[in-house]
Structure formats: structure tokens, C-alpha cells
Amino acid sequence: MKSKLIAALMLSVGTLFAVEAAAEGLKMRVSLDTTATHIRTIQVGRYLEAVKERSKGAIEPELFHSGQLFRDRDIGKALRQGGAEMGVPGTWVLAGFEPNMEFSVLPSMYGQPREVTYKVSDGEVGKQLNASLEQKLKVKVIGKWLDLGSSHTYSTTKPLNSPSDMKGLKVRTSGGHGQFVRVKFFDGLPNFTAWPDVPLALSQGNFDALISTNESIASAKLWDSGIKYSIQDYQFYAQYVPMVAEGFFAKLKPEQQKMLTDTWAEMVDRFRDEANEAQRKAAETMAQNGIKVVTAKPEDLAEARKRMLATEVDLVRELKFDPAIVTKVNAVVSMTN
């Protein structure tokens, strides 16, 4: 009789814990390394609010920004090993898993508008790259890539009036071997510093220039860390890949999985437009805070692209790109222009 009573009590306790867990919802830790005021952080936060509302609390997202949980360079491994449930890392930090994610540094992509990048990332090449990431990282790419925007060059001491003015500068990149190759092409000295460390490293003189975006510069107020000059030279078009851990995605009911992807699909195009408008406004904000902003001349961009094209064979070999993917990217650019 006593054993039956104990068993009943244990069953009741187990049921209580299960009910409480269900009431709390399934935890969904989301890791970003941008600041709370960055456009990516704000937009992902809005997406997560919609997920929580549409799941009626069955999914409980928790957003960790500013690298509180993981830096973007570590999020692929974290998703694979269960350290987080979602991340939205830049394509450049995913190149260590899938080299072709850096297609945006191909010569043909230099100085191109966002519509050209969309033709690649939203098209056949993007689908092929998503499938590769899903297989290698054990994730689910939940939809079209999120925009950061065009990346440009910024410096602390040297005025920037043409792409060639990068020569001799120690240039911070956001990661990926392709950006190192790009900096070397312009005779700069490449450096990698994780974004949360950039303001301090910049103010301490660890590097004297960086490739980034207007929004990133403005959201971190890098004029306070010494940035004085910018050339809008469209080094590459930066995008983020929305990824959910495969193990977490498998725990969801089919209708919840569909809700995650449908909600992203409903919001991402608006997010892209907002990001590009934020980049435009950020350029104005930089100028208001004393940064001299110069737009590269079209003829200078065309001349640099022509010189880059002569290096493409070596670039493809060095970055371990798939020649078939390179051919597809160049075909898209050719048809678009």
C-alpha cells in the first residue's frame, strides 16, 4: 500500500512538472553579437515577439544581444551542439563551414547594388548554399537572408577619396578569408576583430580603418572611437542567414514549424527595406557627427572591378570556391547588368 502511495505521489509530481513546463513554453535562446540598438537586433526581436504571440506562449524566445551568449563566429558550432536554438550570423563568418558563402567578394560582385545580390542569394545558388549549411551545421535555414546592407571603408586618420586610398592602412574586417584577400588587393593590411571588441580596439589604435556598414558605425557611435572618414565604395553587400538548430526545430509540431518559416517570410522583405533605409539615414548621422563621407566615383569602381577580374582564377583557388558556383554567380551578374 505504501509503495503504491509513493508511486502515485511521484506520478503527480511528474505530471505537475510537465504541466509547468508546458505552461512555460519551449525555451528558444537566440544569440546575436550586435548591440541592442543595431538594426539586426531590433528586427530579430520583432520577429521573436511575433513568434511568441502566434505560438500563444508555446515557444518562449529569449534574445541575447551584444555577444552575451555567443559571438557570431561561434554560433554555427553552438547551434550544432545545443548551446543556442537560433542565430542569424553573417555570411562571412559561415565561410569556415561553407567557403562559397563568401561569393559576395567575387570580382563581379564588387560595387553591385542589392538587387544583384538578391538574384544570387534568393535564387539557385542561395538554395544550394542553404542546403550545404543545413547538412554541415545540423540547422534549418528558415527563409530568405536578412540584409545588413552595403559594406564600405572607414578610417581614423587618412582621408578616403578613392578605393586605392586603403593602401597602407591596417584594416579591420568582420571575418572570412575573402575580406582579407580584398584588403590585400587594395594593398591594405587585414585584421580581424570581433564586433563587440571593435570600439575599444579602435580607440586603442589596434587598427586604423575598417570595412563595415553605415548602420554598424552609427549604432556603435564609432566617431567616439576615432572614425573620421568614410568612402562609400560598396565593398560587398552584407547579409545574415536565419538559422534554427535542427534539434530544436524537430521538437516543434508541424504547425509550429510552419509558423516559424511563414512568419519570417511575411516579415523579411520589409526588414530588408528597413535595413537599407537605416543605412541611408546612418550616413547622414555619421556626417552630422563629424565623419567626412565621400561616395566613390562610378569610374573608380569600374576600374577596380576590371583589375579584380584579372585575379579571379587565383581568388577562386585560394578561397576554395566551387568553380561551378562561381560560374552561376557570374552568369547572374551578367544577365542582371
Protein backbone atom coordinates (compact mmCIF):
# COMPACT_ATOMS: atom_id res chain seq x y z
CA MET A 1 0.00 0.00 0.00
CA LYS A 2 2.84 2.32 0.95
CA SER A 3 4.67 1.66 -2.37
CA LYS A 4 1.52 2.41 -4.33
CA LEU A 5 1.13 5.70 -2.47
CA ILE A 6 4.75 6.68 -3.22
CA ALA A 7 4.29 5.76 -6.87
CA ALA A 8 1.14 7.87 -7.05
CA LEU A 9 2.91 10.82 -5.47
CA MET A 10 5.80 10.53 -7.92
CA LEU A 11 3.38 10.40 -10.82
CA SER A 12 1.62 13.50 -9.52
CA VAL A 13 4.91 15.38 -9.14
CA GLY A 14 5.96 14.33 -12.64
CA THR A 15 2.64 15.47 -14.05
CA LEU A 16 2.95 18.79 -12.22
CA PHE A 17 6.42 19.40 -13.66
CA ALA A 18 5.17 18.52 -17.16
CA VAL A 19 2.24 20.93 -16.83
CA GLU A 20 4.53 23.70 -15.56
CA ALA A 21 6.98 23.08 -18.43
CA ALA A 22 4.15 23.21 -20.95
CA ALA A 23 2.86 26.41 -19.35
CA GLU A 24 6.31 27.99 -19.54
CA GLY A 25 6.72 27.10 -23.21
CA LEU A 26 9.65 25.71 -25.13
CA LYS A 27 12.73 27.85 -24.50
CA MET A 28 14.33 29.37 -27.61
CA ARG A 29 17.67 31.08 -26.94
CA VAL A 30 18.61 33.42 -29.78
CA SER A 31 22.19 34.70 -30.00
CA LEU A 32 23.40 37.86 -31.78
CA ASP A 33 26.62 39.81 -31.27
CA THR A 34 25.33 43.20 -32.42
CA THR A 35 24.24 45.86 -29.91
CA ALA A 36 20.69 46.37 -28.67
CA THR A 37 20.30 49.38 -30.98
CA HIS A 38 21.56 47.67 -34.15
CA ILE A 39 19.02 47.12 -36.92
CA ARG A 40 19.55 43.33 -36.93
CA THR A 41 18.94 43.09 -33.18
CA ILE A 42 15.79 45.21 -33.41
CA GLN A 43 14.35 43.28 -36.36
CA VAL A 44 15.09 39.83 -34.93
CA GLY A 45 13.49 41.00 -31.69
CA ARG A 46 10.32 41.93 -33.56
CA TYR A 47 10.29 38.56 -35.29
CA LEU A 48 10.61 36.78 -31.94
CA GLU A 49 7.76 38.81 -30.47
CA ALA A 50 5.57 37.65 -33.36
CA VAL A 51 6.66 34.03 -32.82
CA LYS A 52 5.77 34.19 -29.13
CA GLU A 53 2.39 35.74 -29.87
CA ARG A 54 1.48 33.37 -32.70
CA SER A 55 2.56 30.31 -30.71
CA LYS A 56 0.38 31.52 -27.82
CA GLY A 57 3.34 31.14 -25.50
CA ALA A 58 4.16 27.59 -26.52
CA ILE A 59 7.52 28.94 -27.75
CA GLU A 60 9.39 31.25 -25.37
CA PRO A 61 12.13 33.14 -27.27
CA GLU A 62 14.90 34.87 -25.33
CA LEU A 63 17.17 37.25 -27.24
CA PHE A 64 20.81 37.62 -26.21
CA HIS A 65 22.49 40.56 -27.97
CA SER A 66 25.99 42.10 -27.84
CA GLY A 67 27.65 38.68 -27.75
CA GLN A 68 26.17 37.90 -24.32
CA LEU A 69 25.71 34.26 -25.28
CA PHE A 70 27.96 33.69 -28.31
CA ARG A 71 29.79 35.77 -30.86
CA ASP A 72 28.67 35.21 -34.41
CA ARG A 73 31.87 33.36 -35.30
CA ASP A 74 30.91 30.70 -32.71
CA ILE A 75 27.17 30.43 -33.35
CA GLY A 76 27.42 27.69 -36.00
CA LYS A 77 29.12 25.36 -33.54
CA ALA A 78 26.75 26.45 -30.75
CA LEU A 79 23.66 25.57 -32.80
CA ARG A 80 25.12 22.20 -33.72
CA GLN A 81 26.00 21.40 -30.10
CA GLY A 82 22.81 22.71 -28.46
CA GLY A 83 24.20 25.90 -26.92
CA ALA A 84 21.53 28.03 -28.59
CA GLU A 85 18.35 27.46 -30.58
CA MET A 86 18.68 30.23 -33.17
CA GLY A 87 21.29 32.54 -34.67
CA VAL A 88 21.40 34.97 -37.60
CA PRO A 89 25.12 35.16 -38.47
CA GLY A 90 26.66 36.99 -41.39
CA THR A 91 27.60 35.03 -44.49
CA TRP A 92 31.26 35.93 -43.94
CA VAL A 93 31.52 34.03 -40.62
CA LEU A 94 29.93 30.95 -42.18
CA ALA A 95 32.68 30.64 -44.78
CA GLY A 96 34.63 28.36 -42.46
CA PHE A 97 31.87 25.77 -42.89
CA GLU A 98 30.90 26.54 -46.48
CA PRO A 99 33.56 28.54 -48.42
CA ASN A 100 31.12 29.59 -51.14
CA MET A 101 29.19 31.71 -48.61
CA GLU A 102 31.71 34.45 -49.48
CA PHE A 103 30.55 34.71 -53.10
CA SER A 104 29.94 38.42 -52.45
CA VAL A 105 33.72 39.05 -52.60
CA LEU A 106 33.96 37.76 -56.17
CA PRO A 107 35.21 40.48 -58.55
CA SER A 108 31.93 40.52 -60.49
CA MET A 109 30.04 41.37 -57.27
CA TYR A 110 32.19 44.37 -56.34
CA GLY A 111 30.23 47.63 -56.29
CA GLN A 112 26.93 45.94 -57.22
CA PRO A 113 23.51 47.07 -55.90
CA ARG A 114 21.47 44.88 -53.60
CA GLU A 115 19.19 43.64 -56.39
CA VAL A 116 22.11 41.72 -57.91
CA THR A 117 22.87 40.05 -54.58
CA TYR A 118 19.21 39.04 -54.21
CA LYS A 119 19.31 37.31 -57.60
CA VAL A 120 22.09 35.13 -56.18
CA SER A 121 21.10 34.60 -52.54
CA ASP A 122 17.37 34.15 -53.23
CA GLY A 123 17.98 32.01 -56.31
CA GLU A 124 19.54 28.68 -57.20
CA VAL A 125 22.91 29.48 -55.65
CA GLY A 126 21.33 30.52 -52.35
CA LYS A 127 19.26 27.34 -52.17
CA GLN A 128 22.39 25.27 -52.81
CA LEU A 129 24.29 27.09 -50.06
CA ASN A 130 21.40 26.76 -47.60
CA ALA A 131 21.31 23.01 -48.18
CA SER A 132 25.03 22.78 -47.53
CA LEU A 133 24.75 24.71 -44.25
CA GLU A 134 21.81 22.58 -43.12
CA GLN A 135 23.78 19.40 -43.71
CA LYS A 136 27.05 20.60 -42.16
CA LEU A 137 25.69 22.51 -39.16
CA LYS A 138 22.55 20.47 -38.48
CA VAL A 139 20.33 23.54 -38.78
CA LYS A 140 17.22 24.67 -40.58
CA VAL A 141 17.55 27.85 -42.65
CA ILE A 142 14.10 29.32 -42.13
CA GLY A 143 13.94 31.64 -45.14
CA LYS A 144 15.49 34.41 -47.18
CA TRP A 145 18.60 36.05 -45.82
CA LEU A 146 18.31 39.21 -43.78
CA ASP A 147 20.02 42.38 -45.03
CA LEU A 148 22.67 44.39 -43.28
CA GLY A 149 23.49 46.40 -46.40
CA SER A 150 26.41 47.62 -48.42
CA SER A 151 29.81 47.50 -46.72
CA HIS A 152 32.13 50.46 -47.10
CA THR A 153 35.53 51.62 -45.85
CA TYR A 154 36.12 53.91 -42.84
CA SER A 155 39.33 55.34 -41.34
CA THR A 156 40.61 57.29 -38.36
CA THR A 157 43.46 59.36 -39.81
CA LYS A 158 43.66 59.03 -43.59
CA PRO A 159 41.12 60.82 -45.79
CA LEU A 160 39.40 58.40 -48.19
CA ASN A 161 38.56 59.66 -51.67
CA SER A 162 39.03 56.55 -53.86
CA PRO A 163 39.26 52.78 -53.31
CA SER A 164 43.04 52.98 -53.70
CA ASP A 165 43.29 55.08 -50.52
CA MET A 166 43.11 51.87 -48.49
CA LYS A 167 46.79 51.35 -49.33
CA GLY A 168 48.99 51.07 -46.25
CA LEU A 169 46.10 51.04 -43.75
CA LYS A 170 45.60 48.33 -41.14
CA VAL A 171 42.01 47.40 -41.93
CA ARG A 172 39.68 45.53 -39.58
CA THR A 173 37.37 43.05 -41.30
CA SER A 174 34.39 41.17 -39.91
CA GLY A 175 35.95 37.81 -40.71
CA GLY A 176 36.16 35.43 -43.62
CA HIS A 177 39.27 34.90 -45.69
CA GLY A 178 37.65 36.64 -48.66
CA GLN A 179 37.71 40.00 -46.90
CA PHE A 180 41.39 39.51 -46.11
CA VAL A 181 42.04 38.92 -49.82
CA ARG A 182 40.03 42.03 -50.71
CA VAL A 183 42.03 44.22 -48.32
CA LYS A 184 45.30 42.84 -49.70
CA PHE A 185 44.10 43.59 -53.24
CA PHE A 186 43.95 47.26 -52.26
CA ASP A 187 47.37 46.99 -50.56
CA GLY A 188 45.96 47.23 -47.05
CA LEU A 189 46.92 45.13 -44.02
CA PRO A 190 43.95 42.94 -42.98
CA ASN A 191 42.91 42.46 -39.36
CA PHE A 192 40.09 40.55 -37.69
CA THR A 193 38.49 41.86 -34.51
CA ALA A 194 35.13 40.58 -33.23
CA TRP A 195 32.47 43.29 -33.38
CA PRO A 196 31.91 43.64 -29.59
CA ASP A 197 35.64 44.44 -29.24
CA VAL A 198 35.80 46.99 -32.07
CA PRO A 199 35.15 50.28 -30.18
CA LEU A 200 37.91 49.67 -27.61
CA ALA A 201 40.36 48.22 -30.15
CA LEU A 202 39.75 51.14 -32.48
CA SER A 203 40.28 53.75 -29.77
CA GLN A 204 43.49 51.99 -28.72
CA GLY A 205 44.84 52.12 -32.28
CA ASN A 206 44.88 48.35 -32.89
CA PHE A 207 43.79 49.19 -36.45
CA ASP A 208 43.24 52.47 -38.26
CA ALA A 209 40.48 51.55 -40.70
CA LEU A 210 37.68 49.04 -41.08
CA ILE A 211 35.23 47.61 -43.59
CA SER A 212 31.74 47.79 -42.15
CA THR A 213 28.38 49.45 -42.82
CA ASN A 214 26.98 52.89 -42.05
CA GLU A 215 24.40 51.40 -39.70
CA SER A 216 27.01 49.46 -37.75
CA ILE A 217 29.21 52.56 -37.45
CA ALA A 218 26.30 54.72 -36.30
CA SER A 219 24.75 52.20 -33.90
CA ALA A 220 28.11 51.85 -32.12
CA LYS A 221 28.87 55.61 -32.36
CA LEU A 222 32.33 54.85 -33.67
CA TRP A 223 33.05 58.54 -34.21
CA ASP A 224 33.66 58.48 -30.43
CA SER A 225 36.33 55.82 -31.07
CA GLY A 226 38.14 57.84 -33.72
CA ILE A 227 36.44 57.28 -37.09
CA LYS A 228 36.72 60.48 -39.13
CA TYR A 229 36.47 59.45 -42.80
CA SER A 230 34.36 57.16 -44.97
CA ILE A 231 34.28 56.29 -48.64
CA GLN A 232 31.07 54.66 -49.81
CA ASP A 233 32.84 52.11 -52.02
CA TYR A 234 30.39 49.16 -51.90
CA GLN A 235 33.00 46.56 -50.99
CA PHE A 236 30.33 43.87 -50.77
CA TYR A 237 26.66 43.50 -49.88
CA ALA A 238 26.28 42.04 -46.39
CA GLN A 239 23.52 39.61 -45.44
CA TYR A 240 22.68 37.44 -42.44
CA VAL A 241 21.42 33.84 -42.55
CA PRO A 242 18.48 32.95 -40.22
CA MET A 243 19.21 29.50 -38.78
CA VAL A 244 17.39 27.37 -36.21
CA ALA A 245 19.05 24.36 -34.59
CA GLU A 246 17.84 21.12 -36.16
CA GLY A 247 17.28 19.52 -32.74
CA PHE A 248 15.05 22.38 -31.61
CA PHE A 249 13.16 22.51 -34.90
CA ALA A 250 12.43 18.77 -34.61
CA LYS A 251 10.79 19.32 -31.21
CA LEU A 252 8.19 21.61 -32.73
CA LYS A 253 4.86 20.43 -34.03
CA PRO A 254 4.46 20.66 -37.83
CA GLU A 255 2.16 23.65 -37.48
CA GLN A 256 4.73 25.40 -35.26
CA GLN A 257 7.49 24.75 -37.76
CA LYS A 258 5.32 26.24 -40.48
CA MET A 259 4.54 29.22 -38.26
CA LEU A 260 8.28 29.94 -37.79
CA THR A 261 9.01 29.92 -41.51
CA ASP A 262 5.77 31.66 -42.55
CA THR A 263 6.30 34.46 -40.04
CA TRP A 264 9.83 35.04 -41.31
CA ALA A 265 8.60 35.05 -44.91
CA GLU A 266 5.96 37.66 -44.04
CA MET A 267 8.47 39.99 -42.37
CA VAL A 268 11.81 39.63 -44.19
CA ASP A 269 11.11 41.80 -47.25
CA ARG A 270 10.03 44.67 -45.03
CA PHE A 271 13.11 44.09 -42.87
CA ARG A 272 15.30 44.35 -45.97
CA ASP A 273 13.78 47.68 -46.98
CA GLU A 274 14.10 48.99 -43.42
CA ALA A 275 17.76 47.95 -43.27
CA ASN A 276 18.59 49.84 -46.45
CA GLU A 277 16.73 52.93 -45.27
CA ALA A 278 18.62 52.66 -41.98
CA GLN A 279 21.89 52.62 -43.93
CA ARG A 280 20.92 55.81 -45.74
CA LYS A 281 19.96 57.58 -42.52
CA ALA A 282 23.10 56.31 -40.80
CA ALA A 283 25.24 58.03 -43.45
CA GLU A 284 23.51 61.29 -42.54
CA THR A 285 24.08 60.62 -38.85
CA MET A 286 27.78 59.98 -39.47
CA ALA A 287 28.10 63.28 -41.32
CA GLN A 288 26.29 65.11 -38.51
CA ASN A 289 28.83 63.68 -36.09
CA GLY A 290 31.85 64.90 -37.99
CA ILE A 291 32.66 61.99 -40.30
CA LYS A 292 33.55 63.12 -43.82
CA VAL A 293 31.51 60.88 -46.14
CA VAL A 294 32.63 60.58 -49.78
CA THR A 295 30.89 58.48 -52.44
CA ALA A 296 33.25 56.57 -54.74
CA LYS A 297 33.14 57.61 -58.38
CA PRO A 298 31.50 55.01 -60.69
CA GLU A 299 34.56 55.06 -62.95
CA ASP A 300 36.82 54.26 -59.97
CA LEU A 301 34.63 51.29 -59.02
CA ALA A 302 34.58 50.04 -62.61
CA GLU A 303 38.36 50.33 -62.89
CA ALA A 304 38.89 48.44 -59.64
CA ARG A 305 36.44 45.72 -60.71
CA LYS A 306 38.30 45.32 -64.01
CA ARG A 307 41.59 44.84 -62.17
CA MET A 308 39.95 42.36 -59.77
CA LEU A 309 38.60 40.24 -62.62
CA ALA A 310 42.17 39.57 -63.71
CA THR A 311 42.75 37.92 -60.29
CA GLU A 312 39.61 35.76 -60.27
CA VAL A 313 41.27 32.42 -61.10
CA ASP A 314 43.73 32.81 -58.23
CA LEU A 315 40.99 34.07 -55.91
CA VAL A 316 38.76 31.06 -56.60
CA ARG A 317 41.65 28.71 -55.91
CA GLU A 318 42.73 30.49 -52.72
CA LEU A 319 39.23 30.71 -51.24
CA LYS A 320 38.37 27.14 -52.30
CA PHE A 321 35.27 28.23 -54.16
CA ASP A 322 33.35 25.72 -56.25
CA PRO A 323 34.03 26.81 -59.87
CA ALA A 324 30.50 25.73 -60.83
CA ILE A 325 29.02 28.12 -58.26
CA VAL A 326 31.32 30.92 -59.41
CA THR A 327 30.09 30.36 -62.97
CA LYS A 328 26.47 30.59 -61.79
CA VAL A 329 27.14 33.80 -59.84
CA ASN A 330 28.88 35.44 -62.78
CA ALA A 331 26.04 34.41 -65.08
CA VAL A 332 23.50 36.03 -62.78
CA VAL A 333 25.53 39.25 -62.69
CA SER A 334 25.90 39.23 -66.46
CA MET A 335 22.15 38.80 -67.01
CA THR A 336 21.27 41.44 -64.41
CA ASN A 337 23.58 44.20 -65.68
